[in-house]
Amino acid sequence: MNFKKHPEYLKMEPKKQEMVSLLADTLTGKNLTEALPFLVQWKKQMQNEGLSFTPEENQILTNLFMEQMTPAQRKQYEFLKPFIKN
């Protein structure tokens, strides 16, 4: 599924869409341990720009990204999830 066509993604403000696309493009082909430093940097950039996602948007994004993960990536995500939460 291409998340950029998802109705909930399309409802987000343009800057949030840009940040989600940046995250998705950067994480493509990386396992989560390789992506962790970028996730930290991305989160700081979000904070610096005064952007945050609603709980609903966070859940939608998680679901969209999970759909695109391999089973091994999902397992890694479940392990790392407590460390990357707010």
N, C-alpha and C. Protein backbone atom coordinates (compact mmCIF):
# COMPACT_ATOMS: atom_id res chain seq x y z
N MET A 1 0.84 -1.20 0.00
CA MET A 1 0.00 0.00 0.00
C MET A 1 0.88 1.24 0.00
N ASN A 2 0.57 2.17 -0.85
CA ASN A 2 1.29 3.43 -0.89
C ASN A 2 0.63 4.40 0.09
N PHE A 3 1.33 4.70 1.19
CA PHE A 3 0.73 5.52 2.23
C PHE A 3 0.40 6.93 1.74
N LYS A 4 1.08 7.42 0.70
CA LYS A 4 0.83 8.78 0.21
C LYS A 4 -0.55 8.91 -0.43
N LYS A 5 -1.21 7.80 -0.68
CA LYS A 5 -2.56 7.83 -1.23
C LYS A 5 -3.61 7.55 -0.16
N HIS A 6 -3.16 7.26 1.05
CA HIS A 6 -4.09 6.94 2.13
C HIS A 6 -4.86 8.20 2.53
N PRO A 7 -6.18 8.08 2.68
CA PRO A 7 -7.00 9.27 3.01
C PRO A 7 -6.55 10.01 4.27
N GLU A 8 -6.12 9.27 5.28
CA GLU A 8 -5.70 9.93 6.53
C GLU A 8 -4.40 10.71 6.33
N TYR A 9 -3.51 10.19 5.52
CA TYR A 9 -2.27 10.91 5.21
C TYR A 9 -2.62 12.20 4.46
N LEU A 10 -3.53 12.10 3.53
CA LEU A 10 -3.91 13.26 2.72
C LEU A 10 -4.60 14.35 3.53
N LYS A 11 -5.14 14.01 4.68
CA LYS A 11 -5.78 14.99 5.55
C LYS A 11 -4.76 15.79 6.37
N MET A 12 -3.54 15.30 6.49
CA MET A 12 -2.53 15.97 7.30
C MET A 12 -2.09 17.27 6.65
N GLU A 13 -1.64 18.20 7.49
CA GLU A 13 -1.14 19.44 6.94
C GLU A 13 0.13 19.16 6.13
N PRO A 14 0.42 19.98 5.13
CA PRO A 14 1.53 19.71 4.19
C PRO A 14 2.89 19.50 4.87
N LYS A 15 3.20 20.25 5.90
CA LYS A 15 4.51 20.10 6.55
C LYS A 15 4.61 18.73 7.22
N LYS A 16 3.52 18.26 7.79
CA LYS A 16 3.53 16.92 8.40
C LYS A 16 3.70 15.87 7.31
N GLN A 17 3.01 16.04 6.18
CA GLN A 17 3.17 15.11 5.07
C GLN A 17 4.62 15.07 4.62
N GLU A 18 5.24 16.24 4.54
CA GLU A 18 6.65 16.31 4.12
C GLU A 18 7.55 15.54 5.08
N MET A 19 7.31 15.69 6.37
CA MET A 19 8.14 15.01 7.37
C MET A 19 7.92 13.50 7.33
N VAL A 20 6.69 13.07 7.12
CA VAL A 20 6.40 11.64 7.02
C VAL A 20 7.08 11.05 5.79
N SER A 21 7.01 11.77 4.68
CA SER A 21 7.67 11.30 3.45
C SER A 21 9.17 11.21 3.63
N LEU A 22 9.75 12.20 4.29
CA LEU A 22 11.19 12.19 4.58
C LEU A 22 11.55 10.96 5.41
N LEU A 23 10.77 10.70 6.42
CA LEU A 23 11.02 9.54 7.27
C LEU A 23 10.92 8.25 6.47
N ALA A 24 9.86 8.12 5.70
CA ALA A 24 9.65 6.89 4.93
C ALA A 24 10.77 6.69 3.91
N ASP A 25 11.15 7.75 3.21
CA ASP A 25 12.22 7.64 2.21
C ASP A 25 13.54 7.23 2.84
N THR A 26 13.82 7.78 4.00
CA THR A 26 15.09 7.50 4.67
C THR A 26 15.12 6.09 5.25
N LEU A 27 13.98 5.60 5.70
CA LEU A 27 13.95 4.28 6.34
C LEU A 27 13.87 3.13 5.35
N THR A 28 13.57 3.42 4.11
CA THR A 28 13.43 2.37 3.11
C THR A 28 14.73 1.59 2.98
N GLY A 29 14.63 0.27 3.14
CA GLY A 29 15.78 -0.61 2.98
C GLY A 29 16.67 -0.73 4.20
N LYS A 30 16.34 -0.04 5.28
CA LYS A 30 17.15 -0.10 6.50
C LYS A 30 16.43 -0.94 7.54
N ASN A 31 17.21 -1.66 8.34
CA ASN A 31 16.58 -2.29 9.48
C ASN A 31 16.46 -1.24 10.58
N LEU A 32 15.69 -1.53 11.60
CA LEU A 32 15.41 -0.51 12.60
C LEU A 32 16.63 -0.08 13.39
N THR A 33 17.58 -0.97 13.61
CA THR A 33 18.77 -0.55 14.34
C THR A 33 19.61 0.42 13.51
N GLU A 34 19.62 0.25 12.20
CA GLU A 34 20.30 1.21 11.32
C GLU A 34 19.56 2.54 11.29
N ALA A 35 18.23 2.46 11.42
CA ALA A 35 17.40 3.66 11.31
C ALA A 35 17.31 4.45 12.61
N LEU A 36 17.65 3.85 13.73
CA LEU A 36 17.46 4.51 15.02
C LEU A 36 18.12 5.89 15.11
N PRO A 37 19.38 6.06 14.69
CA PRO A 37 19.97 7.41 14.76
C PRO A 37 19.18 8.44 13.94
N PHE A 38 18.67 8.02 12.79
CA PHE A 38 17.88 8.95 12.00
C PHE A 38 16.56 9.28 12.69
N LEU A 39 15.94 8.28 13.32
CA LEU A 39 14.69 8.53 14.03
C LEU A 39 14.87 9.58 15.12
N VAL A 40 15.99 9.50 15.83
CA VAL A 40 16.28 10.49 16.88
C VAL A 40 16.44 11.88 16.26
N GLN A 41 17.18 11.98 15.17
CA GLN A 41 17.38 13.26 14.48
C GLN A 41 16.05 13.79 13.94
N TRP A 42 15.25 12.93 13.35
CA TRP A 42 13.96 13.32 12.79
C TRP A 42 13.04 13.86 13.87
N LYS A 43 13.04 13.19 15.02
CA LYS A 43 12.20 13.62 16.14
C LYS A 43 12.62 15.00 16.63
N LYS A 44 13.93 15.25 16.69
CA LYS A 44 14.43 16.58 17.09
C LYS A 44 14.01 17.64 16.08
N GLN A 45 14.08 17.30 14.80
CA GLN A 45 13.67 18.24 13.76
C GLN A 45 12.19 18.58 13.90
N MET A 46 11.38 17.57 14.19
CA MET A 46 9.95 17.80 14.41
C MET A 46 9.74 18.78 15.56
N GLN A 47 10.47 18.57 16.65
CA GLN A 47 10.35 19.44 17.81
C GLN A 47 10.81 20.86 17.48
N ASN A 48 11.93 20.96 16.77
CA ASN A 48 12.46 22.28 16.41
C ASN A 48 11.49 23.07 15.54
N GLU A 49 10.74 22.37 14.73
CA GLU A 49 9.79 23.02 13.83
C GLU A 49 8.40 23.16 14.46
N GLY A 50 8.29 22.74 15.72
CA GLY A 50 7.03 22.87 16.43
C GLY A 50 5.93 21.97 15.91
N LEU A 51 6.33 20.84 15.33
CA LEU A 51 5.36 19.90 14.77
C LEU A 51 5.18 18.71 15.70
N SER A 52 3.96 18.28 15.79
CA SER A 52 3.69 17.04 16.52
C SER A 52 2.46 16.39 15.91
N PHE A 53 2.36 15.12 16.08
CA PHE A 53 1.23 14.36 15.56
C PHE A 53 0.25 14.11 16.68
N THR A 54 -1.01 14.11 16.33
CA THR A 54 -2.04 13.75 17.31
C THR A 54 -1.91 12.26 17.59
N PRO A 55 -2.48 11.79 18.70
CA PRO A 55 -2.45 10.35 18.95
C PRO A 55 -3.06 9.55 17.79
N GLU A 56 -4.11 10.09 17.19
CA GLU A 56 -4.74 9.40 16.06
C GLU A 56 -3.79 9.33 14.87
N GLU A 57 -3.10 10.45 14.58
CA GLU A 57 -2.14 10.45 13.47
C GLU A 57 -1.00 9.48 13.74
N ASN A 58 -0.53 9.45 14.99
CA ASN A 58 0.54 8.51 15.35
C ASN A 58 0.12 7.07 15.10
N GLN A 59 -1.11 6.73 15.47
CA GLN A 59 -1.58 5.37 15.27
C GLN A 59 -1.70 5.05 13.79
N ILE A 60 -2.21 5.99 13.02
CA ILE A 60 -2.34 5.81 11.56
C ILE A 60 -0.96 5.59 10.95
N LEU A 61 0.00 6.44 11.33
CA LEU A 61 1.36 6.31 10.79
C LEU A 61 1.98 4.97 11.16
N THR A 62 1.80 4.57 12.40
CA THR A 62 2.33 3.28 12.83
C THR A 62 1.74 2.16 11.99
N ASN A 63 0.43 2.19 11.79
CA ASN A 63 -0.23 1.15 11.00
C ASN A 63 0.28 1.15 9.56
N LEU A 64 0.42 2.33 8.98
CA LEU A 64 0.88 2.43 7.60
C LEU A 64 2.30 1.88 7.44
N PHE A 65 3.18 2.24 8.38
CA PHE A 65 4.56 1.75 8.30
C PHE A 65 4.64 0.26 8.58
N MET A 66 3.81 -0.23 9.52
CA MET A 66 3.82 -1.66 9.84
C MET A 66 3.41 -2.49 8.63
N GLU A 67 2.48 -1.97 7.84
CA GLU A 67 2.03 -2.69 6.65
C GLU A 67 3.17 -2.89 5.64
N GLN A 68 4.15 -2.00 5.68
CA GLN A 68 5.23 -2.05 4.71
C GLN A 68 6.46 -2.79 5.24
N MET A 69 6.43 -3.20 6.50
CA MET A 69 7.57 -3.89 7.11
C MET A 69 7.52 -5.38 6.84
N THR A 70 8.70 -5.96 6.78
CA THR A 70 8.79 -7.41 6.72
C THR A 70 8.52 -7.97 8.12
N PRO A 71 8.24 -9.25 8.24
CA PRO A 71 8.04 -9.82 9.59
C PRO A 71 9.25 -9.58 10.51
N ALA A 72 10.45 -9.67 9.98
CA ALA A 72 11.65 -9.43 10.80
C ALA A 72 11.70 -7.98 11.27
N GLN A 73 11.34 -7.05 10.39
CA GLN A 73 11.33 -5.64 10.77
C GLN A 73 10.26 -5.37 11.83
N ARG A 74 9.12 -6.02 11.70
CA ARG A 74 8.06 -5.85 12.70
C ARG A 74 8.54 -6.33 14.08
N LYS A 75 9.24 -7.44 14.08
CA LYS A 75 9.76 -7.97 15.34
C LYS A 75 10.75 -6.98 15.97
N GLN A 76 11.64 -6.43 15.15
CA GLN A 76 12.58 -5.42 15.65
C GLN A 76 11.84 -4.20 16.17
N TYR A 77 10.82 -3.77 15.44
CA TYR A 77 10.05 -2.60 15.85
C TYR A 77 9.41 -2.83 17.21
N GLU A 78 8.80 -3.99 17.39
CA GLU A 78 8.15 -4.30 18.67
C GLU A 78 9.17 -4.26 19.81
N PHE A 79 10.39 -4.72 19.55
CA PHE A 79 11.44 -4.69 20.55
C PHE A 79 11.86 -3.25 20.87
N LEU A 80 12.01 -2.42 19.83
CA LEU A 80 12.52 -1.06 20.00
C LEU A 80 11.44 -0.04 20.38
N LYS A 81 10.18 -0.39 20.20
CA LYS A 81 9.09 0.57 20.41
C LYS A 81 9.16 1.29 21.76
N PRO A 82 9.43 0.60 22.86
CA PRO A 82 9.48 1.34 24.14
C PRO A 82 10.58 2.41 24.18
N PHE A 83 11.63 2.22 23.39
CA PHE A 83 12.74 3.16 23.41
C PHE A 83 12.52 4.38 22.51
N ILE A 84 11.58 4.27 21.55
CA ILE A 84 11.38 5.38 20.62
C ILE A 84 10.08 6.12 20.89
N LYS A 85 9.37 5.74 21.92
CA LYS A 85 8.16 6.47 22.30
C LYS A 85 8.56 7.82 22.86
N ASN A 86 7.55 8.73 22.89
CA ASN A 86 7.80 10.07 23.45
C ASN A 86 8.38 9.89 24.80
